[in-house]
Amino acid sequence: MLTVKARNDQLIGIVDNALDSIKTKEAIAMLQNIGLTNKKTLVVIPEKNAVIEKSMSNIPRVKTIHAMYVNPVDLLHYDKVLVFA
């Protein structure tokens, strides 16, 4: 499933954590810069990160999930996958 998402330009990777504090406004601005506004987005994080989880939790159509819990149902449901490394 991830290969299909990558081929269709639906997989985006971020190496640097762009969020410094728990603020939904910063998370929305980051998603806008990447071009992910108004898209169902699955945010995959490698480990527990309270800043990302809490900042993204109030944004509609965005779900945050830990990498070890990624599943085919979520990959099919969401338009874009944003992966933090």
N, C-alpha and C. Protein backbone atom coordinates (compact mmCIF):
# COMPACT_ATOMS: atom_id res chain seq x y z
N MET A 1 0.81 -1.20 0.00
CA MET A 1 0.00 0.00 0.00
C MET A 1 0.86 1.27 0.00
N LEU A 2 1.94 1.26 0.77
CA LEU A 2 2.80 2.44 0.79
C LEU A 2 3.46 2.66 -0.56
N THR A 3 3.78 1.59 -1.27
CA THR A 3 4.39 1.71 -2.59
C THR A 3 3.42 2.38 -3.56
N VAL A 4 2.16 2.01 -3.49
CA VAL A 4 1.14 2.62 -4.34
C VAL A 4 1.00 4.10 -4.01
N LYS A 5 0.98 4.43 -2.74
CA LYS A 5 0.88 5.83 -2.32
C LYS A 5 2.09 6.62 -2.83
N ALA A 6 3.29 6.03 -2.75
CA ALA A 6 4.49 6.71 -3.21
C ALA A 6 4.46 6.93 -4.72
N ARG A 7 4.02 5.94 -5.46
CA ARG A 7 3.94 6.07 -6.93
C ARG A 7 2.95 7.14 -7.35
N ASN A 8 1.91 7.33 -6.59
CA ASN A 8 0.87 8.31 -6.91
C ASN A 8 1.11 9.66 -6.25
N ASP A 9 2.32 9.89 -5.75
CA ASP A 9 2.67 11.14 -5.07
C ASP A 9 1.74 11.45 -3.91
N GLN A 10 1.36 10.42 -3.18
CA GLN A 10 0.50 10.59 -2.02
C GLN A 10 1.25 10.34 -0.72
N LEU A 11 2.55 10.12 -0.81
CA LEU A 11 3.38 9.85 0.36
C LEU A 11 4.40 10.98 0.47
N ILE A 12 4.40 11.63 1.62
CA ILE A 12 5.30 12.76 1.86
C ILE A 12 6.11 12.48 3.11
N GLY A 13 7.41 12.66 3.05
CA GLY A 13 8.27 12.43 4.20
C GLY A 13 8.86 13.73 4.71
N ILE A 14 8.96 13.83 6.02
CA ILE A 14 9.56 15.00 6.67
C ILE A 14 10.65 14.50 7.61
N VAL A 15 11.85 14.99 7.44
CA VAL A 15 12.96 14.57 8.28
C VAL A 15 13.03 15.41 9.54
N ASP A 16 12.79 16.70 9.42
CA ASP A 16 12.90 17.62 10.55
C ASP A 16 11.53 17.85 11.17
N ASN A 17 11.48 17.82 12.49
CA ASN A 17 10.22 18.13 13.18
C ASN A 17 9.96 19.62 13.06
N ALA A 18 8.96 19.99 12.29
CA ALA A 18 8.67 21.40 12.03
C ALA A 18 7.87 22.06 13.14
N LEU A 19 7.41 21.29 14.11
CA LEU A 19 6.59 21.85 15.19
C LEU A 19 7.43 21.98 16.45
N ASP A 20 7.47 23.20 16.98
CA ASP A 20 8.27 23.46 18.18
C ASP A 20 7.45 23.39 19.46
N SER A 21 6.16 23.72 19.35
CA SER A 21 5.31 23.72 20.53
C SER A 21 3.94 23.18 20.17
N ILE A 22 3.15 22.90 21.18
CA ILE A 22 1.82 22.34 20.98
C ILE A 22 0.87 23.46 20.58
N LYS A 23 0.76 23.68 19.27
CA LYS A 23 -0.13 24.72 18.75
C LYS A 23 -0.75 24.22 17.46
N THR A 24 -2.06 24.18 17.45
CA THR A 24 -2.79 23.73 16.26
C THR A 24 -2.55 24.67 15.09
N LYS A 25 -2.42 25.98 15.36
CA LYS A 25 -2.17 26.95 14.30
C LYS A 25 -0.87 26.63 13.57
N GLU A 26 0.17 26.26 14.29
CA GLU A 26 1.46 25.90 13.67
C GLU A 26 1.31 24.64 12.82
N ALA A 27 0.55 23.68 13.32
CA ALA A 27 0.34 22.44 12.57
C ALA A 27 -0.43 22.71 11.28
N ILE A 28 -1.44 23.56 11.36
CA ILE A 28 -2.22 23.91 10.16
C ILE A 28 -1.33 24.64 9.15
N ALA A 29 -0.50 25.56 9.64
CA ALA A 29 0.41 26.30 8.75
C ALA A 29 1.39 25.34 8.07
N MET A 30 1.90 24.36 8.81
CA MET A 30 2.81 23.38 8.23
C MET A 30 2.11 22.58 7.14
N LEU A 31 0.88 22.14 7.40
CA LEU A 31 0.12 21.38 6.40
C LEU A 31 -0.18 22.24 5.17
N GLN A 32 -0.45 23.52 5.37
CA GLN A 32 -0.69 24.42 4.24
C GLN A 32 0.56 24.58 3.40
N ASN A 33 1.73 24.69 4.04
CA ASN A 33 2.99 24.83 3.30
C ASN A 33 3.29 23.61 2.45
N ILE A 34 2.87 22.45 2.91
CA ILE A 34 3.11 21.21 2.19
C ILE A 34 2.03 20.99 1.12
N GLY A 35 0.92 21.69 1.25
CA GLY A 35 -0.18 21.54 0.30
C GLY A 35 -1.18 20.47 0.70
N LEU A 36 -1.35 20.26 1.97
CA LEU A 36 -2.24 19.21 2.46
C LEU A 36 -3.52 19.74 3.09
N THR A 37 -3.90 20.95 2.77
CA THR A 37 -5.15 21.47 3.32
C THR A 37 -6.32 20.85 2.57
N ASN A 38 -7.39 20.62 3.28
CA ASN A 38 -8.62 20.04 2.74
C ASN A 38 -8.42 18.66 2.14
N LYS A 39 -7.44 17.93 2.63
CA LYS A 39 -7.22 16.55 2.20
C LYS A 39 -7.22 15.67 3.43
N LYS A 40 -7.77 14.47 3.30
CA LYS A 40 -7.71 13.52 4.41
C LYS A 40 -6.26 13.05 4.51
N THR A 41 -5.65 13.33 5.66
CA THR A 41 -4.22 13.08 5.82
C THR A 41 -3.95 12.17 7.01
N LEU A 42 -3.14 11.15 6.77
CA LEU A 42 -2.68 10.26 7.82
C LEU A 42 -1.27 10.68 8.18
N VAL A 43 -1.06 11.07 9.42
CA VAL A 43 0.26 11.50 9.90
C VAL A 43 0.88 10.34 10.65
N VAL A 44 2.02 9.87 10.17
CA VAL A 44 2.70 8.72 10.77
C VAL A 44 3.94 9.23 11.50
N ILE A 45 4.03 8.89 12.79
CA ILE A 45 5.19 9.29 13.59
C ILE A 45 5.92 8.04 14.07
N PRO A 46 7.25 8.09 14.13
CA PRO A 46 8.02 6.90 14.49
C PRO A 46 7.90 6.50 15.95
N GLU A 47 7.67 7.46 16.79
CA GLU A 47 7.57 7.19 18.23
C GLU A 47 6.66 8.24 18.85
N LYS A 48 6.34 8.05 20.11
CA LYS A 48 5.44 8.99 20.80
C LYS A 48 6.04 10.40 20.76
N ASN A 49 5.22 11.34 20.32
CA ASN A 49 5.63 12.73 20.24
C ASN A 49 4.42 13.59 20.59
N ALA A 50 4.38 14.07 21.81
CA ALA A 50 3.22 14.81 22.31
C ALA A 50 2.97 16.09 21.52
N VAL A 51 4.02 16.73 21.05
CA VAL A 51 3.85 17.97 20.31
C VAL A 51 3.08 17.72 19.01
N ILE A 52 3.50 16.73 18.24
CA ILE A 52 2.82 16.42 16.98
C ILE A 52 1.42 15.88 17.24
N GLU A 53 1.31 14.94 18.17
CA GLU A 53 0.01 14.31 18.44
C GLU A 53 -1.03 15.33 18.88
N LYS A 54 -0.69 16.19 19.83
CA LYS A 54 -1.65 17.16 20.34
C LYS A 54 -1.92 18.28 19.35
N SER A 55 -0.91 18.69 18.60
CA SER A 55 -1.10 19.76 17.62
C SER A 55 -2.02 19.31 16.49
N MET A 56 -1.90 18.07 16.08
CA MET A 56 -2.70 17.56 14.96
C MET A 56 -4.09 17.07 15.40
N SER A 57 -4.29 16.84 16.68
CA SER A 57 -5.53 16.21 17.14
C SER A 57 -6.79 17.03 16.90
N ASN A 58 -6.67 18.34 16.82
CA ASN A 58 -7.84 19.19 16.63
C ASN A 58 -8.10 19.56 15.18
N ILE A 59 -7.33 19.03 14.28
CA ILE A 59 -7.49 19.36 12.86
C ILE A 59 -8.42 18.33 12.22
N PRO A 60 -9.51 18.78 11.62
CA PRO A 60 -10.41 17.83 10.98
C PRO A 60 -9.74 17.13 9.81
N ARG A 61 -10.12 15.89 9.58
CA ARG A 61 -9.63 15.07 8.47
C ARG A 61 -8.15 14.72 8.58
N VAL A 62 -7.58 14.84 9.78
CA VAL A 62 -6.18 14.46 10.02
C VAL A 62 -6.16 13.46 11.16
N LYS A 63 -5.45 12.36 10.95
CA LYS A 63 -5.30 11.35 11.99
C LYS A 63 -3.81 11.11 12.21
N THR A 64 -3.39 11.06 13.47
CA THR A 64 -2.01 10.76 13.81
C THR A 64 -1.92 9.34 14.30
N ILE A 65 -0.92 8.61 13.82
CA ILE A 65 -0.77 7.21 14.18
C ILE A 65 0.72 6.88 14.30
N HIS A 66 1.05 5.99 15.22
CA HIS A 66 2.43 5.55 15.38
C HIS A 66 2.77 4.58 14.26
N ALA A 67 4.00 4.58 13.82
CA ALA A 67 4.42 3.77 12.66
C ALA A 67 4.11 2.29 12.83
N MET A 68 4.22 1.77 14.03
CA MET A 68 3.98 0.35 14.22
C MET A 68 2.50 -0.03 14.13
N TYR A 69 1.61 0.97 14.09
CA TYR A 69 0.17 0.70 14.00
C TYR A 69 -0.42 1.04 12.63
N VAL A 70 0.43 1.35 11.66
CA VAL A 70 -0.08 1.64 10.32
C VAL A 70 -0.72 0.37 9.76
N ASN A 71 -1.90 0.54 9.17
CA ASN A 71 -2.63 -0.61 8.65
C ASN A 71 -3.24 -0.28 7.29
N PRO A 72 -3.58 -1.31 6.52
CA PRO A 72 -4.12 -1.08 5.17
C PRO A 72 -5.43 -0.28 5.16
N VAL A 73 -6.26 -0.44 6.16
CA VAL A 73 -7.53 0.29 6.20
C VAL A 73 -7.28 1.79 6.24
N ASP A 74 -6.38 2.23 7.12
CA ASP A 74 -6.07 3.66 7.20
C ASP A 74 -5.41 4.14 5.91
N LEU A 75 -4.52 3.35 5.34
CA LEU A 75 -3.85 3.77 4.11
C LEU A 75 -4.84 3.95 2.96
N LEU A 76 -5.85 3.12 2.91
CA LEU A 76 -6.86 3.26 1.86
C LEU A 76 -7.81 4.42 2.13
N HIS A 77 -8.09 4.69 3.39
CA HIS A 77 -9.07 5.72 3.76
C HIS A 77 -8.53 7.14 3.54
N TYR A 78 -7.26 7.37 3.76
CA TYR A 78 -6.70 8.72 3.70
C TYR A 78 -6.09 9.01 2.34
N ASP A 79 -6.26 10.24 1.87
CA ASP A 79 -5.75 10.66 0.56
C ASP A 79 -4.23 10.77 0.54
N LYS A 80 -3.68 11.34 1.60
CA LYS A 80 -2.24 11.59 1.68
C LYS A 80 -1.69 10.98 2.96
N VAL A 81 -0.42 10.58 2.91
CA VAL A 81 0.27 10.04 4.09
C VAL A 81 1.49 10.92 4.33
N LEU A 82 1.56 11.51 5.51
CA LEU A 82 2.68 12.36 5.91
C LEU A 82 3.48 11.59 6.95
N VAL A 83 4.74 11.30 6.63
CA VAL A 83 5.58 10.49 7.51
C VAL A 83 6.69 11.36 8.10
N PHE A 84 6.76 11.36 9.42
CA PHE A 84 7.86 12.03 10.12
C PHE A 84 8.96 11.02 10.37
N ALA A 85 10.20 11.38 10.09
CA ALA A 85 11.33 10.47 10.32
C ALA A 85 12.10 10.87 11.55
